[in-house]
Amino acid sequence: RWGIEVNGRAGLSGTCGLFGWNRNWRKCTLGYELARAVEGHGYMSEALRAIITWGWSEMDLNRIEAQVH
């Protein structure tokens, strides 16, 4: 899990990460949450692009699933 900090705002504004890694199937699940105060500014889109890119290159994934609660 990674924390999300917004410049100029104290503390964490959210978290995101990959979990449930199945190495044989080369897949995992994506999860995230973001404070309402910072929604709509593209912060999560930026973070998810970085995490998904990292999952493909560093974990050699071929599938990332999102789970909604």
C-alpha atoms as a PDB file:
ATOM      1  CA  ARG A   1       0.000   0.000   0.000  1.00  0.00           C
ATOM      2  CA  TRP A   2       1.196   3.503  -0.792  1.00  0.00           C
ATOM      3  CA  GLY A   3       0.116   6.732   0.865  1.00  0.00           C
ATOM      4  CA  ILE A   4      -0.998   9.745  -1.149  1.00  0.00           C
ATOM      5  CA  GLU A   5       0.102  13.194  -0.029  1.00  0.00           C
ATOM      6  CA  VAL A   6      -1.032  16.393  -1.706  1.00  0.00           C
ATOM      7  CA  ASN A   7       1.523  19.219  -1.800  1.00  0.00           C
ATOM      8  CA  GLY A   8       0.557  21.947   0.632  1.00  0.00           C
ATOM      9  CA  ARG A   9      -1.870  19.738   2.565  1.00  0.00           C
ATOM     10  CA  ALA A  10      -0.809  18.155   5.857  1.00  0.00           C
ATOM     11  CA  GLY A  11      -1.143  14.381   6.298  1.00  0.00           C
ATOM     12  CA  LEU A  12      -2.338  11.591   4.058  1.00  0.00           C
ATOM     13  CA  SER A  13      -5.076  12.330   1.543  1.00  0.00           C
ATOM     14  CA  GLY A  14      -5.543   8.690   0.566  1.00  0.00           C
ATOM     15  CA  THR A  15      -3.952   5.326  -0.092  1.00  0.00           C
ATOM     16  CA  CYS A  16      -3.765   2.907  -2.983  1.00  0.00           C
ATOM     17  CA  GLY A  17      -2.106  -0.378  -3.740  1.00  0.00           C
ATOM     18  CA  LEU A  18      -2.068  -3.837  -5.245  1.00  0.00           C
ATOM     19  CA  PHE A  19      -2.993  -6.870  -3.142  1.00  0.00           C
ATOM     20  CA  GLY A  20      -4.018 -10.506  -3.471  1.00  0.00           C
ATOM     21  CA  TRP A  21      -1.082 -11.232  -5.765  1.00  0.00           C
ATOM     22  CA  ASN A  22      -1.442 -14.582  -7.526  1.00  0.00           C
ATOM     23  CA  ARG A  23       1.991 -15.171  -9.020  1.00  0.00           C
ATOM     24  CA  ASN A  24       0.932 -18.249 -10.991  1.00  0.00           C
ATOM     25  CA  TRP A  25      -1.873 -16.362 -12.736  1.00  0.00           C
ATOM     26  CA  ARG A  26       0.155 -13.107 -12.797  1.00  0.00           C
ATOM     27  CA  LYS A  27      -2.742 -11.080 -11.406  1.00  0.00           C
ATOM     28  CA  CYS A  28      -3.672  -8.988  -8.411  1.00  0.00           C
ATOM     29  CA  THR A  29      -6.369  -6.639  -7.218  1.00  0.00           C
ATOM     30  CA  LEU A  30      -6.261  -2.861  -7.085  1.00  0.00           C
ATOM     31  CA  GLY A  31      -7.672  -0.958  -4.128  1.00  0.00           C
ATOM     32  CA  TYR A  32      -7.768   2.715  -3.212  1.00  0.00           C
ATOM     33  CA  GLU A  33      -9.475   5.423  -1.181  1.00  0.00           C
ATOM     34  CA  LEU A  34      -9.251   9.197  -1.261  1.00  0.00           C
ATOM     35  CA  ALA A  35     -10.380  11.956   1.115  1.00  0.00           C
ATOM     36  CA  ARG A  36     -13.456  13.806  -0.144  1.00  0.00           C
ATOM     37  CA  ALA A  37     -11.697  17.123   0.364  1.00  0.00           C
ATOM     38  CA  VAL A  38      -9.303  16.355  -2.518  1.00  0.00           C
ATOM     39  CA  GLU A  39     -11.620  14.503  -4.912  1.00  0.00           C
ATOM     40  CA  GLY A  40     -11.926  15.789  -8.462  1.00  0.00           C
ATOM     41  CA  HIS A  41      -8.378  17.096  -8.873  1.00  0.00           C
ATOM     42  CA  GLY A  42      -6.849  14.078 -10.657  1.00  0.00           C
ATOM     43  CA  TYR A  43      -4.695  12.938  -7.737  1.00  0.00           C
ATOM     44  CA  MET A  44      -5.993   9.366  -7.777  1.00  0.00           C
ATOM     45  CA  SER A  45      -5.724   9.123 -11.568  1.00  0.00           C
ATOM     46  CA  GLU A  46      -2.076  10.137 -11.308  1.00  0.00           C
ATOM     47  CA  ALA A  47      -1.396   7.640  -8.504  1.00  0.00           C
ATOM     48  CA  LEU A  48      -3.194   4.765 -10.249  1.00  0.00           C
ATOM     49  CA  ARG A  49      -1.322   5.324 -13.508  1.00  0.00           C
ATOM     50  CA  ALA A  50       1.958   5.013 -11.588  1.00  0.00           C
ATOM     51  CA  ILE A  51       0.845   1.907  -9.658  1.00  0.00           C
ATOM     52  CA  ILE A  52      -0.538   0.110 -12.714  1.00  0.00           C
ATOM     53  CA  THR A  53       2.630   0.859 -14.694  1.00  0.00           C
ATOM     54  CA  TRP A  54       4.690  -0.448 -11.753  1.00  0.00           C
ATOM     55  CA  GLY A  55       2.559  -3.628 -11.563  1.00  0.00           C
ATOM     56  CA  TRP A  56       3.092  -4.415 -15.252  1.00  0.00           C
ATOM     57  CA  SER A  57       6.836  -3.773 -15.195  1.00  0.00           C
ATOM     58  CA  GLU A  58       7.985  -4.828 -11.705  1.00  0.00           C
ATOM     59  CA  MET A  59       5.498  -7.591 -10.834  1.00  0.00           C
ATOM     60  CA  ASP A  60       5.155  -8.909 -14.409  1.00  0.00           C
ATOM     61  CA  LEU A  61       1.343  -8.843 -14.144  1.00  0.00           C
ATOM     62  CA  ASN A  62      -0.928  -9.564 -17.063  1.00  0.00           C
ATOM     63  CA  ARG A  63      -4.180  -8.740 -15.232  1.00  0.00           C
ATOM     64  CA  ILE A  64      -5.193  -6.194 -12.604  1.00  0.00           C
ATOM     65  CA  GLU A  65      -8.693  -6.393 -11.168  1.00  0.00           C
ATOM     66  CA  ALA A  66     -10.502  -3.603  -9.324  1.00  0.00           C
ATOM     67  CA  GLN A  67     -12.757  -4.398  -6.410  1.00  0.00           C
ATOM     68  CA  VAL A  68     -15.532  -1.992  -5.394  1.00  0.00           C
ATOM     69  CA  HIS A  69     -16.925  -1.873  -1.848  1.00  0.00           C
END
